Amino acid sequence: MPPLDRGAGLPYPQAAERWPPPRGPAPRDGGRTLAQELKNLPQRHLILKSGHERFVRAAVPEIAPPTGDAADLLCRSLARWARRRAEVEAQIQNRHQSMRITTSEVLHDWE
């Protein structure tokens, strides 16, 4: 007898074909699982799956390392965005001061 559909208690014949349910990922391409494929991928290679399409193996093109000096970029970025530590700490203290509630405020403001 085929297994019963749990919601309606009626036989569900399509499920009989896959009873008992498969365990773990199904093997693909000669019995290797996707996890094994991913573990054994060479560097700069990937496995892509999009929607209902099949898995596709691809390689990422090699990218030449940058040849320029990044010191100028670092200097410009620091000049625009960096702040002194004392300035940051003062701002944090001001924020904490504004959020601090004294005991007398708690006792007298509840009315």
Protein backbone atom coordinates (compact mmCIF):
# COMPACT_ATOMS: atom_id res chain seq x y z
CA MET A 1 0.00 0.00 0.00
CA PRO A 2 1.36 3.46 -0.82
CA PRO A 3 2.13 5.83 2.05
CA LEU A 4 -0.61 8.10 3.29
CA ASP A 5 -0.66 11.81 2.69
CA ARG A 6 -0.32 13.29 6.19
CA GLY A 7 -2.76 16.16 5.66
CA ALA A 8 -5.77 14.32 4.24
CA GLY A 9 -5.08 10.71 5.26
CA LEU A 10 -5.52 9.59 1.65
CA PRO A 11 -3.19 7.37 -0.34
CA TYR A 12 -0.70 9.39 -2.36
CA PRO A 13 0.46 7.10 -5.19
CA GLN A 14 3.10 9.44 -6.65
CA ALA A 15 5.00 9.27 -3.37
CA ALA A 16 5.23 5.47 -3.57
CA GLU A 17 7.85 5.77 -6.30
CA ARG A 18 10.21 7.61 -3.98
CA TRP A 19 9.42 5.77 -0.75
CA PRO A 20 11.47 5.72 1.44
CA PRO A 21 12.64 9.29 0.85
CA PRO A 22 16.25 9.73 -0.33
CA ARG A 23 18.84 10.62 2.29
CA GLY A 24 21.32 13.43 1.75
CA PRO A 25 22.14 15.09 -1.55
CA ALA A 26 21.60 12.98 -4.64
CA PRO A 27 24.76 11.88 -6.43
CA ARG A 28 25.47 13.63 -9.70
CA ASP A 29 27.79 12.94 -12.63
CA GLY A 30 29.18 9.49 -11.88
CA GLY A 31 28.04 9.26 -8.27
CA ARG A 32 29.83 12.29 -6.81
CA THR A 33 27.75 14.51 -4.55
CA LEU A 34 27.74 18.27 -4.90
CA ALA A 35 29.56 18.60 -1.57
CA GLN A 36 32.39 16.41 -2.83
CA GLU A 37 32.57 18.40 -6.06
CA LEU A 38 32.79 21.69 -4.14
CA LYS A 39 35.49 20.36 -1.81
CA ASN A 40 37.63 19.22 -4.72
CA LEU A 41 37.28 22.26 -6.99
CA PRO A 42 40.57 23.72 -8.19
CA GLN A 43 41.28 27.36 -7.41
CA ARG A 44 39.35 29.91 -9.48
CA HIS A 45 36.71 27.31 -10.47
CA LEU A 46 33.04 27.35 -9.50
CA ILE A 47 29.82 25.42 -9.93
CA LEU A 48 26.85 27.56 -10.96
CA LYS A 49 23.14 26.75 -10.70
CA SER A 50 20.50 29.22 -11.76
CA GLY A 51 16.80 28.45 -11.51
CA HIS A 52 15.84 25.12 -13.02
CA GLU A 53 18.96 24.91 -15.21
CA ARG A 54 21.57 22.18 -14.66
CA PHE A 55 24.79 22.70 -12.72
CA VAL A 56 27.52 24.29 -14.83
CA ARG A 57 31.25 24.28 -14.10
CA ALA A 58 33.09 27.51 -14.87
CA ALA A 59 36.47 29.10 -14.30
CA VAL A 60 37.08 32.64 -13.13
CA PRO A 61 39.53 34.52 -15.37
CA GLU A 62 42.88 35.49 -13.90
CA ILE A 63 43.14 39.10 -12.80
CA ALA A 64 46.50 40.83 -12.80
CA PRO A 65 47.51 42.23 -9.41
CA PRO A 66 47.44 46.04 -9.20
CA THR A 67 50.72 47.71 -10.05
CA GLY A 68 50.07 51.23 -8.75
CA ASP A 69 50.93 52.56 -5.32
CA ALA A 70 47.95 52.87 -2.96
CA ALA A 71 49.63 55.38 -0.64
CA ASP A 72 48.09 58.37 -2.42
CA LEU A 73 44.61 56.84 -2.19
CA LEU A 74 45.13 56.13 1.52
CA CYS A 75 46.23 59.73 2.19
CA ARG A 76 43.25 61.20 0.36
CA SER A 77 40.83 58.86 2.14
CA LEU A 78 42.26 59.66 5.58
CA ALA A 79 42.15 63.41 4.85
CA ARG A 80 38.48 63.18 3.95
CA TRP A 81 37.09 60.66 6.47
CA ALA A 82 39.48 60.22 9.43
CA ARG A 83 38.98 61.97 12.77
CA ARG A 84 41.21 62.26 15.81
CA ARG A 85 40.63 59.75 18.61
CA ALA A 86 39.91 62.50 21.15
CA GLU A 87 37.24 63.90 18.85
CA VAL A 88 35.52 60.50 18.50
CA GLU A 89 35.66 59.81 22.24
CA ALA A 90 34.18 63.25 23.03
CA GLN A 91 31.31 62.55 20.67
CA ILE A 92 30.68 59.18 22.36
CA GLN A 93 30.72 60.82 25.81
CA ASN A 94 28.18 63.42 24.68
CA ARG A 95 25.89 60.66 23.43
CA HIS A 96 26.18 58.78 26.74
CA GLN A 97 25.50 61.96 28.74
CA SER A 98 22.29 62.60 26.83
CA MET A 99 21.04 59.05 27.47
CA ARG A 100 21.88 58.94 31.16
CA ILE A 101 18.84 59.13 33.48
CA THR A 102 19.35 60.00 37.13
CA THR A 103 17.57 58.29 40.00
CA SER A 104 15.64 61.44 40.90
CA GLU A 105 14.32 61.72 37.33
CA VAL A 106 13.12 58.11 37.46
CA LEU A 107 11.43 58.61 40.83
CA HIS A 108 9.81 61.99 40.09
CA ASP A 109 8.89 61.67 36.41
CA TRP A 110 6.65 58.64 36.69
CA GLU A 111 3.59 60.72 37.63
